């Protein structure tokens, strides 16, 4: 509840302080994982958001908000200089196919940019 309140109040960094220890104790807790990945993405900690989002999406492959956060995070990490592996490219394609939300055009642009390099 504390983390949710902090996220609602626009304090994602403070939410991470609560969520990270809880996630470390129980990484299988999907509620904690989802909130932590979103908080990381909201604070621009995209490299930290990715593994948490990926693990969460293994069992919640249609979560539209998390798909968007994962693709956006991968794009930002890529933009920061990380080279995409073939595994990363395949994962992004998979996430893109599953995404049916309102930000389709943005994701298509991200994917086109990542594929071009």
C-alpha atoms as a PDB file:
ATOM      1  CA  UNK A   1       0.000   0.000   0.000  1.00  0.00           C
ATOM      2  CA  UNK A   2       2.836   2.378   0.804  1.00  0.00           C
ATOM      3  CA  UNK A   3       4.408   1.863  -2.632  1.00  0.00           C
ATOM      4  CA  UNK A   4       1.058   2.380  -4.363  1.00  0.00           C
ATOM      5  CA  UNK A   5       0.513   5.627  -2.476  1.00  0.00           C
ATOM      6  CA  UNK A   6       3.967   6.851  -3.445  1.00  0.00           C
ATOM      7  CA  UNK A   7       3.378   5.960  -7.091  1.00  0.00           C
ATOM      8  CA  UNK A   8       0.028   7.775  -7.070  1.00  0.00           C
ATOM      9  CA  UNK A   9       1.692  10.803  -5.470  1.00  0.00           C
ATOM     10  CA  UNK A  10       4.309  10.923  -8.231  1.00  0.00           C
ATOM     11  CA  UNK A  11       7.128   9.603  -6.070  1.00  0.00           C
ATOM     12  CA  UNK A  12       8.366   6.565  -8.016  1.00  0.00           C
ATOM     13  CA  UNK A  13      11.906   6.778  -6.580  1.00  0.00           C
ATOM     14  CA  UNK A  14      10.478   6.549  -3.095  1.00  0.00           C
ATOM     15  CA  UNK A  15       8.307   3.612  -4.198  1.00  0.00           C
ATOM     16  CA  UNK A  16      11.463   1.807  -5.384  1.00  0.00           C
ATOM     17  CA  UNK A  17      12.875   2.141  -1.860  1.00  0.00           C
ATOM     18  CA  UNK A  18       9.890   0.135  -0.599  1.00  0.00           C
ATOM     19  CA  UNK A  19       9.492  -2.270  -3.517  1.00  0.00           C
ATOM     20  CA  UNK A  20      13.112  -3.344  -4.162  1.00  0.00           C
ATOM     21  CA  UNK A  21      13.658  -5.069  -0.785  1.00  0.00           C
ATOM     22  CA  UNK A  22      10.252  -6.728  -1.070  1.00  0.00           C
ATOM     23  CA  UNK A  23      11.082  -7.932  -4.596  1.00  0.00           C
ATOM     24  CA  UNK A  24      14.477  -9.231  -3.473  1.00  0.00           C
ATOM     25  CA  UNK A  25      12.713 -11.300  -0.795  1.00  0.00           C
ATOM     26  CA  UNK A  26       9.952 -12.541  -3.123  1.00  0.00           C
ATOM     27  CA  UNK A  27      10.768 -12.153  -6.846  1.00  0.00           C
ATOM     28  CA  UNK A  28       7.857 -14.444  -7.727  1.00  0.00           C
ATOM     29  CA  UNK A  29       5.327 -11.938  -6.384  1.00  0.00           C
ATOM     30  CA  UNK A  30       3.875 -10.524  -9.587  1.00  0.00           C
ATOM     31  CA  UNK A  31       2.182  -7.578  -7.878  1.00  0.00           C
ATOM     32  CA  UNK A  32       5.482  -6.363  -6.482  1.00  0.00           C
ATOM     33  CA  UNK A  33       7.347  -7.082  -9.727  1.00  0.00           C
ATOM     34  CA  UNK A  34       4.871  -5.103 -11.821  1.00  0.00           C
ATOM     35  CA  UNK A  35       5.010  -2.092  -9.545  1.00  0.00           C
ATOM     36  CA  UNK A  36       8.815  -2.203  -9.317  1.00  0.00           C
ATOM     37  CA  UNK A  37       9.294  -2.419 -13.094  1.00  0.00           C
ATOM     38  CA  UNK A  38       6.920   0.498 -13.611  1.00  0.00           C
ATOM     39  CA  UNK A  39       8.649   2.566 -10.920  1.00  0.00           C
ATOM     40  CA  UNK A  40      12.035   1.896 -12.518  1.00  0.00           C
ATOM     41  CA  UNK A  41      10.699   2.947 -15.916  1.00  0.00           C
ATOM     42  CA  UNK A  42       9.084   6.069 -14.448  1.00  0.00           C
ATOM     43  CA  UNK A  43      12.419   7.148 -12.948  1.00  0.00           C
ATOM     44  CA  UNK A  44      14.404   6.502 -16.114  1.00  0.00           C
ATOM     45  CA  UNK A  45      16.160   3.457 -14.671  1.00  0.00           C
ATOM     46  CA  UNK A  46      15.419   1.497 -17.828  1.00  0.00           C
ATOM     47  CA  UNK A  47      18.230  -1.057 -17.546  1.00  0.00           C
ATOM     48  CA  UNK A  48      16.896  -2.043 -14.135  1.00  0.00           C
ATOM     49  CA  UNK A  49      13.297  -2.114 -15.366  1.00  0.00           C
ATOM     50  CA  UNK A  50      14.008  -4.581 -18.172  1.00  0.00           C
ATOM     51  CA  UNK A  51      14.816  -7.793 -16.288  1.00  0.00           C
ATOM     52  CA  UNK A  52      11.907  -7.264 -13.893  1.00  0.00           C
ATOM     53  CA  UNK A  53       9.512  -6.500 -16.753  1.00  0.00           C
ATOM     54  CA  UNK A  54      10.756  -9.477 -18.781  1.00  0.00           C
ATOM     55  CA  UNK A  55      10.236 -11.868 -15.889  1.00  0.00           C
ATOM     56  CA  UNK A  56       6.759 -10.474 -15.241  1.00  0.00           C
ATOM     57  CA  UNK A  57       5.805 -10.743 -18.916  1.00  0.00           C
ATOM     58  CA  UNK A  58       6.702 -14.440 -18.941  1.00  0.00           C
ATOM     59  CA  UNK A  59       3.440 -15.075 -17.096  1.00  0.00           C
ATOM     60  CA  UNK A  60       1.461 -11.949 -18.025  1.00  0.00           C
ATOM     61  CA  UNK A  61       2.191 -11.708 -21.738  1.00  0.00           C
ATOM     62  CA  UNK A  62      -0.829  -9.518 -22.520  1.00  0.00           C
ATOM     63  CA  UNK A  63      -0.356  -6.814 -19.874  1.00  0.00           C
ATOM     64  CA  UNK A  64      -0.509  -3.802 -22.172  1.00  0.00           C
ATOM     65  CA  UNK A  65       1.057  -1.306 -19.778  1.00  0.00           C
ATOM     66  CA  UNK A  66       3.971  -3.613 -19.050  1.00  0.00           C
ATOM     67  CA  UNK A  67       4.493  -4.397 -22.732  1.00  0.00           C
ATOM     68  CA  UNK A  68       4.703  -0.669 -23.423  1.00  0.00           C
ATOM     69  CA  UNK A  69       7.077  -0.132 -20.483  1.00  0.00           C
ATOM     70  CA  UNK A  70       9.313  -3.027 -21.583  1.00  0.00           C
ATOM     71  CA  UNK A  71       9.594  -1.868 -25.190  1.00  0.00           C
ATOM     72  CA  UNK A  72      10.129   1.733 -24.136  1.00  0.00           C
ATOM     73  CA  UNK A  73      12.800   0.636 -21.641  1.00  0.00           C
ATOM     74  CA  UNK A  74      14.593  -1.462 -24.249  1.00  0.00           C
ATOM     75  CA  UNK A  75      14.499   1.458 -26.659  1.00  0.00           C
ATOM     76  CA  UNK A  76      15.987   3.831 -24.083  1.00  0.00           C
ATOM     77  CA  UNK A  77      18.741   1.360 -23.177  1.00  0.00           C
ATOM     78  CA  UNK A  78      19.444   0.914 -26.883  1.00  0.00           C
ATOM     79  CA  UNK A  79      19.476   4.693 -27.359  1.00  0.00           C
ATOM     80  CA  UNK A  80      22.038   4.861 -24.575  1.00  0.00           C
ATOM     81  CA  UNK A  81      24.423   2.735 -26.622  1.00  0.00           C
ATOM     82  CA  UNK A  82      23.604  -0.898 -25.844  1.00  0.00           C
ATOM     83  CA  UNK A  83      23.704  -3.148 -28.884  1.00  0.00           C
ATOM     84  CA  UNK A  84      20.647  -5.344 -29.283  1.00  0.00           C
ATOM     85  CA  UNK A  85      21.266  -9.062 -29.273  1.00  0.00           C
ATOM     86  CA  UNK A  86      19.235 -11.365 -31.498  1.00  0.00           C
ATOM     87  CA  UNK A  87      17.432 -12.492 -28.354  1.00  0.00           C
ATOM     88  CA  UNK A  88      16.527  -8.879 -27.516  1.00  0.00           C
ATOM     89  CA  UNK A  89      15.265  -8.298 -31.059  1.00  0.00           C
ATOM     90  CA  UNK A  90      13.103 -11.422 -30.946  1.00  0.00           C
ATOM     91  CA  UNK A  91      11.745 -10.446 -27.546  1.00  0.00           C
ATOM     92  CA  UNK A  92      10.839  -6.953 -28.765  1.00  0.00           C
ATOM     93  CA  UNK A  93       9.080  -8.396 -31.806  1.00  0.00           C
ATOM     94  CA  UNK A  94       7.118 -10.727 -29.542  1.00  0.00           C
ATOM     95  CA  UNK A  95       6.153  -7.879 -27.228  1.00  0.00           C
ATOM     96  CA  UNK A  96       5.181  -5.715 -30.186  1.00  0.00           C
ATOM     97  CA  UNK A  97       2.877  -8.387 -31.587  1.00  0.00           C
ATOM     98  CA  UNK A  98       1.199  -8.736 -28.189  1.00  0.00           C
ATOM     99  CA  UNK A  99       0.738  -4.980 -27.755  1.00  0.00           C
ATOM    100  CA  UNK A 100      -2.719  -3.777 -28.844  1.00  0.00           C
ATOM    101  CA  UNK A 101      -2.824  -0.410 -27.058  1.00  0.00           C
ATOM    102  CA  UNK A 102      -3.119   3.194 -28.097  1.00  0.00           C
ATOM    103  CA  UNK A 103       0.630   3.744 -28.500  1.00  0.00           C
ATOM    104  CA  UNK A 104       1.015   1.373 -31.457  1.00  0.00           C
ATOM    105  CA  UNK A 105       2.524   4.042 -33.745  1.00  0.00           C
ATOM    106  CA  UNK A 106       5.129   4.992 -31.143  1.00  0.00           C
ATOM    107  CA  UNK A 107       6.147   1.375 -30.592  1.00  0.00           C
ATOM    108  CA  UNK A 108       6.397   0.794 -34.335  1.00  0.00           C
ATOM    109  CA  UNK A 109       8.762   3.774 -34.555  1.00  0.00           C
ATOM    110  CA  UNK A 110      10.870   2.435 -31.661  1.00  0.00           C
ATOM    111  CA  UNK A 111      11.079  -0.982 -33.270  1.00  0.00           C
ATOM    112  CA  UNK A 112      11.963   0.430 -36.673  1.00  0.00           C
ATOM    113  CA  UNK A 113      14.743   2.480 -35.108  1.00  0.00           C
ATOM    114  CA  UNK A 114      16.124  -0.500 -33.197  1.00  0.00           C
ATOM    115  CA  UNK A 115      15.960  -2.778 -36.259  1.00  0.00           C
ATOM    116  CA  UNK A 116      17.767  -0.231 -38.436  1.00  0.00           C
ATOM    117  CA  UNK A 117      20.987  -0.623 -36.474  1.00  0.00           C
END
